[in-house]
Amino acid sequence: RGWVEVRFDRDYTIHRVQWGRDRLGEFSDRLATQYHIEVADESGRWVRVADSSDRQPLDESSVMGPPLPAGALTETSTRAVVDESVRLIRALGKNAGGRRAIFAGVFEEPETVRVLRRGDPEQPREEVGPAVPAVIGRLTLDAATGDRNRRAALADWIASPENPLTARVMVNRIWQWHFGTGFVDTPNDFGIMGASPSHPELLDWLADEFIRSGWSIKHLHRLIVHSAAYRQSSAIHGAASAIDSDARYLWRFPSRRLEAEAIRDSILMVSGNLNLDTGGPGFDFFKSRGGLNGFPPVLDFSPDGLRRMVYAHKVRMEKDPVFGAFDCPDAGQSLPRRRQSTTPIQALNLLNSEFIATQARALAQKIERRTSSDLQSQVRHLWWLAYGRDPLPGEWKPACDLARDHGLDDLCRVVFNTSEFLFIP
């Protein structure tokens, strides 16, 4: 009772026709049982090339088979069914072993691009072909070049050893992650509106070395961390600080605070609650996302919510209630470099939030399980977990007094809030 016609505007290869009925099975007359396929020849005449005449007739009773009588399944028949199912699954797995899931698109003919007078799309002028700006390189293609070849040519030009801009931008970004600030402290802008490099010769040399090594990021990391600049102390010298207080010329290693994600992951690691499972769906910081309920924060995380913060769902224009204060972006826009602020909210969050209190109790229980009831042993173990060292002479008495008067978990909360725990020295 009814028919459907599907027209295609270009050539397609049809391997099979598969109809799907309503999932709930509410209708008995919605399944198409007949079809035919027609192809237009060069003259425009439609020719039937396939139909449903060779299709197996529909038999509802044969789909699931008749119901089995009670006691029909014996141990032997059940084992036979299971063995056959295992055989089929293994055969399917063997056939699918060489297949890989990919994300693919369809190339289309590129549209004509024209110069727009005063940038107005309603005032198109002369046509322009595919090319890169002449000020940064030479790459010109014929206007008839297809989309696939255009993309390949652009990719080859970007990654060409003759193009120093790509390597310089990449090297600058990697240097920024090691030292907190790149040679150019405007990593998204290397033009005349951006900042000048602090070490232009070193930037060019590293870019050339990066290309020479075959664009090996590992080689560049190794080169940087083995350098004297990276291995020097972060100690402050008065005379040098008076000249270069920001250490832009790297007379010392510039200390900086950990990112918000690293702070949360470090707290979970020290407390013993970090879930190191990888892959799979992420977790939420909020019970709901907008609407009438707003963004109520999750206070009690499940084990999935204690994974590394890289697996957290990002909500645009809404920061994490605890670690958003540590300049963690809200994913509303791209940031070339995170700013670092120091605010009272940061200290309040690390002292009073339910998450920190829970992790401090977990850390205290972990220490009590591993050590004796001796307070000094517990404080030493806490210092080694958090700082990797013994307490200094001036730290013993305040730490022991705080743990004795207010409990070991309060001392753990204080440790989470110290600069030594939050900063890279």
Foldseek 3Di string as FASTA:
>chain_A
DDDDDDDDPDDDDDPDDDDDDDPVPPDDPGTDQKDWDWDQDPVRDTDTDDMCPPPDHDDVCVPVHDDDDPPPDDPVNVVVVVVVVVVVVVVVCVVCVPDDDDDDDDWDFDDWDFDAVVPDPVRGDDTDADFDPVVQDGDTDDNRDGPVVSVVSVVCVLLPLVRLPNLLLVLQLVVCVLQVAGQFNVSVDPDPPGGHGVCVVVSSVLSNVCVVVVVDPVVSVVVVCPDPLSPFAQDDDDVVCVVPVQCSVSPHRRKDFDALLVLLLLLCVLLVLEDADDDDAAAEQFPDDDDPVHGHGDLDDDSRNRYRCVRYDADAPDARPQSVVQQDHRPNDDDSHTDGDDDPSNLCSLQPGSVNLVSLVSNQVVLPVVDPPDLQSSQQVSCCSQQVGGDDPVPRVVLSVCCVPPNSSNSSSVSSNDCSNGMDD
